[in-house]
Amino acid sequence: MEARLRTALGEPDARAAVTFLGTDRVEVLRFVDGDIVRYATLGMSAAPMADPTATLADPLTGPRAELVLSVRAGAADTDKVLRPLAVLAASPQVEGVVVASGASLDVGEPLWPGAPFSSVLVAESGGLIEDLELDGPMDPVRFLPVLPMTPNEAAWKRVKGAQELQERWLTHGTDLRDPLRTSVPLD
């Protein structure tokens, strides 16, 4: 996983590790590319995500993923996102959720000090970082971008759906990398 991240994003300039009781260690790596800072999880994909209603989790097959957050540098202390991002990455182990495109993940507190966001929308993989194929029968690892959502956007997404929210962002030219942006108009 780390080699794929380095190939796509370069050398990380910082990393932090978080371990939650009863879970595997999750690392968050920071990559700086000009005025963009990217935070990528490492360790979420160690085990496949299992359907919480399944009686027995398959140790080999099932979706695997890592999360990637991109923000503009300098406007906010976004390095404080390391722990909340690790919490989101641990959610499949802790809460038994399957993280996939279109899902909402919420940490219940600002993603970083002063952030107008406490949740993220999980976007489609395959853009910035290509999926990593694993030996069969294991599913590939998907590198899923996460897009910060304001509480109003998160509520609107629950009613209208992820696609509608993404179209709204696109229509209004929303800079999803702005760490201090306000909510898109939802009229």
C-alpha atoms as a PDB file:
ATOM      1  CA  MET A   1       0.000   0.000   0.000  1.00  0.00           C
ATOM      2  CA  GLU A   2       2.716   2.423   0.981  1.00  0.00           C
ATOM      3  CA  ALA A   3       4.618   1.802  -2.278  1.00  0.00           C
ATOM      4  CA  ARG A   4       1.444   2.613  -4.278  1.00  0.00           C
ATOM      5  CA  LEU A   5       0.981   5.829  -2.276  1.00  0.00           C
ATOM      6  CA  ARG A   6       4.619   6.841  -2.812  1.00  0.00           C
ATOM      7  CA  THR A   7       4.369   6.134  -6.543  1.00  0.00           C
ATOM      8  CA  ALA A   8       1.274   8.341  -6.879  1.00  0.00           C
ATOM      9  CA  LEU A   9       2.008  11.061  -4.312  1.00  0.00           C
ATOM     10  CA  GLY A  10       5.787  11.112  -3.755  1.00  0.00           C
ATOM     11  CA  GLU A  11       7.564  10.836  -0.446  1.00  0.00           C
ATOM     12  CA  PRO A  12       5.522  11.490   2.700  1.00  0.00           C
ATOM     13  CA  ASP A  13       6.895  14.301   4.831  1.00  0.00           C
ATOM     14  CA  ALA A  14       5.149  13.171   8.020  1.00  0.00           C
ATOM     15  CA  ARG A  15       3.310  10.185   9.450  1.00  0.00           C
ATOM     16  CA  ALA A  16       1.396   9.368  12.591  1.00  0.00           C
ATOM     17  CA  ALA A  17       0.116   6.084  13.977  1.00  0.00           C
ATOM     18  CA  VAL A  18      -3.041   5.516  15.981  1.00  0.00           C
ATOM     19  CA  THR A  19      -4.159   2.310  17.655  1.00  0.00           C
ATOM     20  CA  PHE A  20      -7.646   1.870  19.057  1.00  0.00           C
ATOM     21  CA  LEU A  21      -8.488  -0.797  21.601  1.00  0.00           C
ATOM     22  CA  GLY A  22      -9.272  -4.023  19.773  1.00  0.00           C
ATOM     23  CA  THR A  23      -8.140  -2.800  16.348  1.00  0.00           C
ATOM     24  CA  ASP A  24      -5.053  -2.945  14.189  1.00  0.00           C
ATOM     25  CA  ARG A  25      -2.765   0.060  13.958  1.00  0.00           C
ATOM     26  CA  VAL A  26      -3.730   2.739  11.423  1.00  0.00           C
ATOM     27  CA  GLU A  27      -1.165   5.175  10.100  1.00  0.00           C
ATOM     28  CA  VAL A  28      -1.844   8.466   8.373  1.00  0.00           C
ATOM     29  CA  LEU A  29       0.790   9.745   5.959  1.00  0.00           C
ATOM     30  CA  ARG A  30       1.046  13.382   4.877  1.00  0.00           C
ATOM     31  CA  PHE A  31       2.138  14.333   1.358  1.00  0.00           C
ATOM     32  CA  VAL A  32       2.713  17.931   0.267  1.00  0.00           C
ATOM     33  CA  ASP A  33       2.396  18.889  -3.391  1.00  0.00           C
ATOM     34  CA  GLY A  34       2.725  22.654  -3.797  1.00  0.00           C
ATOM     35  CA  ASP A  35      -0.233  24.216  -2.000  1.00  0.00           C
ATOM     36  CA  ILE A  36      -2.098  20.883  -1.671  1.00  0.00           C
ATOM     37  CA  VAL A  37      -1.669  18.640   1.353  1.00  0.00           C
ATOM     38  CA  ARG A  38      -2.863  15.056   1.070  1.00  0.00           C
ATOM     39  CA  TYR A  39      -3.457  12.760   4.020  1.00  0.00           C
ATOM     40  CA  ALA A  40      -3.665   9.041   3.257  1.00  0.00           C
ATOM     41  CA  THR A  41      -4.477   6.194   5.634  1.00  0.00           C
ATOM     42  CA  LEU A  42      -2.372   3.078   5.774  1.00  0.00           C
ATOM     43  CA  GLY A  43      -3.667  -0.047   7.520  1.00  0.00           C
ATOM     44  CA  MET A  44      -7.401   0.161   6.876  1.00  0.00           C
ATOM     45  CA  SER A  45      -6.989  -2.338   4.023  1.00  0.00           C
ATOM     46  CA  ALA A  46      -5.114  -4.922   6.111  1.00  0.00           C
ATOM     47  CA  ALA A  47      -8.342  -6.917   6.385  1.00  0.00           C
ATOM     48  CA  PRO A  48     -11.378  -6.974   4.099  1.00  0.00           C
ATOM     49  CA  MET A  49     -14.452  -5.088   5.235  1.00  0.00           C
ATOM     50  CA  ALA A  50     -17.267  -7.425   6.177  1.00  0.00           C
ATOM     51  CA  ASP A  51     -21.007  -7.036   5.943  1.00  0.00           C
ATOM     52  CA  PRO A  52     -22.115  -6.350   9.528  1.00  0.00           C
ATOM     53  CA  THR A  53     -25.085  -8.709   9.069  1.00  0.00           C
ATOM     54  CA  ALA A  54     -22.883 -11.646   8.009  1.00  0.00           C
ATOM     55  CA  THR A  55     -22.565 -14.393  10.596  1.00  0.00           C
ATOM     56  CA  LEU A  56     -18.947 -15.087   9.665  1.00  0.00           C
ATOM     57  CA  ALA A  57     -16.462 -12.703   8.068  1.00  0.00           C
ATOM     58  CA  ASP A  58     -14.329 -14.078   5.248  1.00  0.00           C
ATOM     59  CA  PRO A  59     -10.666 -13.349   6.081  1.00  0.00           C
ATOM     60  CA  LEU A  60      -9.679 -13.093   2.398  1.00  0.00           C
ATOM     61  CA  THR A  61     -12.472 -11.752   0.228  1.00  0.00           C
ATOM     62  CA  GLY A  62     -14.369  -8.544   0.576  1.00  0.00           C
ATOM     63  CA  PRO A  63     -13.755  -4.895  -0.214  1.00  0.00           C
ATOM     64  CA  ARG A  64     -10.519  -3.267   0.953  1.00  0.00           C
ATOM     65  CA  ALA A  65      -9.821   0.444   1.008  1.00  0.00           C
ATOM     66  CA  GLU A  66      -7.663   3.310   2.185  1.00  0.00           C
ATOM     67  CA  LEU A  67      -8.850   6.917   2.562  1.00  0.00           C
ATOM     68  CA  VAL A  68      -7.281  10.011   0.983  1.00  0.00           C
ATOM     69  CA  LEU A  69      -8.099  13.599   1.985  1.00  0.00           C
ATOM     70  CA  SER A  70      -6.803  16.567  -0.048  1.00  0.00           C
ATOM     71  CA  VAL A  71      -6.881  20.151   1.277  1.00  0.00           C
ATOM     72  CA  ARG A  72      -5.219  23.474   0.528  1.00  0.00           C
ATOM     73  CA  ALA A  73      -2.283  24.202   2.804  1.00  0.00           C
ATOM     74  CA  GLY A  74      -1.942  27.215   5.063  1.00  0.00           C
ATOM     75  CA  ALA A  75      -5.524  28.341   5.693  1.00  0.00           C
ATOM     76  CA  ALA A  76      -6.164  26.044   8.688  1.00  0.00           C
ATOM     77  CA  ASP A  77      -4.339  23.664  11.021  1.00  0.00           C
ATOM     78  CA  THR A  78      -5.362  20.639   8.979  1.00  0.00           C
ATOM     79  CA  ASP A  79      -2.592  18.466  10.464  1.00  0.00           C
ATOM     80  CA  LYS A  80      -4.990  17.912  13.375  1.00  0.00           C
ATOM     81  CA  VAL A  81      -7.055  15.749  10.979  1.00  0.00           C
ATOM     82  CA  LEU A  82      -4.713  12.812  11.604  1.00  0.00           C
ATOM     83  CA  ARG A  83      -6.682  11.340  14.513  1.00  0.00           C
ATOM     84  CA  PRO A  84     -10.175  11.901  13.009  1.00  0.00           C
ATOM     85  CA  LEU A  85      -9.005  10.359   9.726  1.00  0.00           C
ATOM     86  CA  ALA A  86      -7.608   7.361  11.617  1.00  0.00           C
ATOM     87  CA  VAL A  87     -10.970   7.048  13.425  1.00  0.00           C
ATOM     88  CA  LEU A  88     -12.747   6.930  10.051  1.00  0.00           C
ATOM     89  CA  ALA A  89     -10.254   4.340   8.770  1.00  0.00           C
ATOM     90  CA  ALA A  90     -10.847   2.173  11.855  1.00  0.00           C
ATOM     91  CA  SER A  91     -14.646   2.286  11.467  1.00  0.00           C
ATOM     92  CA  PRO A  92     -14.839  -1.004   9.500  1.00  0.00           C
ATOM     93  CA  GLN A  93     -13.113  -2.820  12.400  1.00  0.00           C
ATOM     94  CA  VAL A  94     -14.834  -0.901  15.209  1.00  0.00           C
ATOM     95  CA  GLU A  95     -18.355  -0.470  13.833  1.00  0.00           C
ATOM     96  CA  GLY A  96     -18.475  -3.182  11.174  1.00  0.00           C
ATOM     97  CA  VAL A  97     -19.272  -0.736   8.377  1.00  0.00           C
ATOM     98  CA  VAL A  98     -18.329  -1.270   4.759  1.00  0.00           C
ATOM     99  CA  VAL A  99     -16.851   1.976   3.452  1.00  0.00           C
ATOM    100  CA  ALA A 100     -17.727   2.502  -0.209  1.00  0.00           C
ATOM    101  CA  SER A 101     -18.277   5.291  -2.677  1.00  0.00           C
ATOM    102  CA  GLY A 102     -21.332   7.379  -1.771  1.00  0.00           C
ATOM    103  CA  ALA A 103     -21.118   6.636   1.946  1.00  0.00           C
ATOM    104  CA  SER A 104     -21.019   9.291   4.641  1.00  0.00           C
ATOM    105  CA  LEU A 105     -18.650   8.970   7.581  1.00  0.00           C
ATOM    106  CA  ASP A 106     -18.946  11.212  10.650  1.00  0.00           C
ATOM    107  CA  VAL A 107     -16.537  11.706  13.542  1.00  0.00           C
ATOM    108  CA  GLY A 108     -18.938  13.848  15.597  1.00  0.00           C
ATOM    109  CA  GLU A 109     -16.451  16.706  16.020  1.00  0.00           C
ATOM    110  CA  PRO A 110     -14.619  19.109  13.700  1.00  0.00           C
ATOM    111  CA  LEU A 111     -12.107  17.355  11.451  1.00  0.00           C
ATOM    112  CA  TRP A 112      -9.498  19.937  12.576  1.00  0.00           C
ATOM    113  CA  PRO A 113      -9.686  23.016  14.864  1.00  0.00           C
ATOM    114  CA  GLY A 114     -12.193  25.504  13.498  1.00  0.00           C
ATOM    115  CA  ALA A 115     -13.245  23.204  10.648  1.00  0.00           C
ATOM    116  CA  PRO A 116     -16.851  23.626   9.493  1.00  0.00           C
ATOM    117  CA  PHE A 117     -16.866  19.866   8.779  1.00  0.00           C
ATOM    118  CA  SER A 118     -17.368  16.820  11.007  1.00  0.00           C
ATOM    119  CA  SER A 119     -18.165  14.343   8.247  1.00  0.00           C
ATOM    120  CA  VAL A 120     -16.965  13.319   4.822  1.00  0.00           C
ATOM    121  CA  LEU A 121     -18.484  11.965   1.641  1.00  0.00           C
ATOM    122  CA  VAL A 122     -16.629   8.977   0.230  1.00  0.00           C
ATOM    123  CA  ALA A 123     -15.961   9.493  -3.498  1.00  0.00           C
ATOM    124  CA  GLU A 124     -15.105   7.074  -6.319  1.00  0.00           C
ATOM    125  CA  SER A 125     -11.660   5.468  -6.419  1.00  0.00           C
ATOM    126  CA  GLY A 126      -9.362   5.271  -9.404  1.00  0.00           C
ATOM    127  CA  GLY A 127      -8.606   8.942  -9.964  1.00  0.00           C
ATOM    128  CA  LEU A 128      -5.469  10.182  -8.242  1.00  0.00           C
ATOM    129  CA  ILE A 129      -4.290   6.771  -7.028  1.00  0.00           C
ATOM    130  CA  GLU A 130      -4.987   3.632  -9.031  1.00  0.00           C
ATOM    131  CA  ASP A 131      -6.550   0.645  -7.296  1.00  0.00           C
ATOM    132  CA  LEU A 132      -3.989  -1.911  -6.130  1.00  0.00           C
ATOM    133  CA  GLU A 133      -4.630  -5.438  -7.392  1.00  0.00           C
ATOM    134  CA  LEU A 134      -3.880  -8.183  -4.855  1.00  0.00           C
ATOM    135  CA  ASP A 135      -3.338 -11.896  -5.388  1.00  0.00           C
ATOM    136  CA  GLY A 136      -6.613 -13.784  -5.837  1.00  0.00           C
ATOM    137  CA  PRO A 137      -9.010 -14.361  -4.247  1.00  0.00           C
ATOM    138  CA  MET A 138      -8.436 -11.021  -2.454  1.00  0.00           C
ATOM    139  CA  ASP A 139     -10.283  -7.964  -3.734  1.00  0.00           C
ATOM    140  CA  PRO A 140      -8.192  -4.981  -4.877  1.00  0.00           C
ATOM    141  CA  VAL A 141      -7.453  -2.112  -2.503  1.00  0.00           C
ATOM    142  CA  ARG A 142      -9.351   1.021  -3.488  1.00  0.00           C
ATOM    143  CA  PHE A 143      -7.941   4.426  -2.569  1.00  0.00           C
ATOM    144  CA  LEU A 144     -11.102   6.366  -1.780  1.00  0.00           C
ATOM    145  CA  PRO A 145     -11.050  10.176  -1.763  1.00  0.00           C
ATOM    146  CA  VAL A 146     -12.979  11.678   1.142  1.00  0.00           C
ATOM    147  CA  LEU A 147     -14.663  15.064   0.673  1.00  0.00           C
ATOM    148  CA  PRO A 148     -15.431  17.149   3.782  1.00  0.00           C
ATOM    149  CA  MET A 149     -19.111  18.007   4.255  1.00  0.00           C
ATOM    150  CA  THR A 150     -20.701  20.699   6.387  1.00  0.00           C
ATOM    151  CA  PRO A 151     -23.555  19.547   8.663  1.00  0.00           C
ATOM    152  CA  ASN A 152     -26.100  21.072   6.240  1.00  0.00           C
ATOM    153  CA  GLU A 153     -24.528  19.267   3.279  1.00  0.00           C
ATOM    154  CA  ALA A 154     -24.498  15.987   5.213  1.00  0.00           C
ATOM    155  CA  ALA A 155     -28.204  16.379   6.054  1.00  0.00           C
ATOM    156  CA  TRP A 156     -29.022  17.279   2.444  1.00  0.00           C
ATOM    157  CA  LYS A 157     -27.033  14.267   1.212  1.00  0.00           C
ATOM    158  CA  ARG A 158     -29.058  11.954   3.489  1.00  0.00           C
ATOM    159  CA  VAL A 159     -32.255  13.204   1.836  1.00  0.00           C
ATOM    160  CA  LYS A 160     -31.162  13.728  -1.784  1.00  0.00           C
ATOM    161  CA  GLY A 161     -28.223  11.302  -2.140  1.00  0.00           C
ATOM    162  CA  ALA A 162     -24.504  11.530  -2.826  1.00  0.00           C
ATOM    163  CA  GLN A 163     -24.874  12.101  -6.567  1.00  0.00           C
ATOM    164  CA  GLU A 164     -27.171  15.111  -6.027  1.00  0.00           C
ATOM    165  CA  LEU A 165     -24.719  16.662  -3.557  1.00  0.00           C
ATOM    166  CA  GLN A 166     -21.772  16.150  -5.908  1.00  0.00           C
ATOM    167  CA  GLU A 167     -23.756  17.733  -8.757  1.00  0.00           C
ATOM    168  CA  ARG A 168     -24.605  20.666  -6.497  1.00  0.00           C
ATOM    169  CA  TRP A 169     -20.907  21.148  -5.669  1.00  0.00           C
ATOM    170  CA  LEU A 170     -20.026  21.002  -9.371  1.00  0.00           C
ATOM    171  CA  THR A 171     -22.789  23.407 -10.422  1.00  0.00           C
ATOM    172  CA  HIS A 172     -21.640  25.995  -7.873  1.00  0.00           C
ATOM    173  CA  GLY A 173     -17.914  25.529  -8.540  1.00  0.00           C
ATOM    174  CA  THR A 174     -17.286  24.529  -4.929  1.00  0.00           C
ATOM    175  CA  ASP A 175     -13.600  24.279  -3.988  1.00  0.00           C
ATOM    176  CA  LEU A 176     -13.715  21.027  -2.034  1.00  0.00           C
ATOM    177  CA  ARG A 177     -10.071  21.473  -1.026  1.00  0.00           C
ATOM    178  CA  ASP A 178     -10.759  24.757   0.806  1.00  0.00           C
ATOM    179  CA  PRO A 179     -10.427  23.847   4.508  1.00  0.00           C
ATOM    180  CA  LEU A 180     -12.600  26.806   5.557  1.00  0.00           C
ATOM    181  CA  ARG A 181     -15.257  26.787   2.847  1.00  0.00           C
ATOM    182  CA  THR A 182     -18.884  27.366   3.656  1.00  0.00           C
ATOM    183  CA  SER A 183     -21.788  25.140   2.718  1.00  0.00           C
ATOM    184  CA  VAL A 184     -22.866  25.060  -0.915  1.00  0.00           C
ATOM    185  CA  PRO A 185     -26.274  26.724  -1.464  1.00  0.00           C
ATOM    186  CA  LEU A 186     -28.905  24.027  -0.900  1.00  0.00           C
ATOM    187  CA  ASP A 187     -32.097  25.848  -1.958  1.00  0.00           C
END
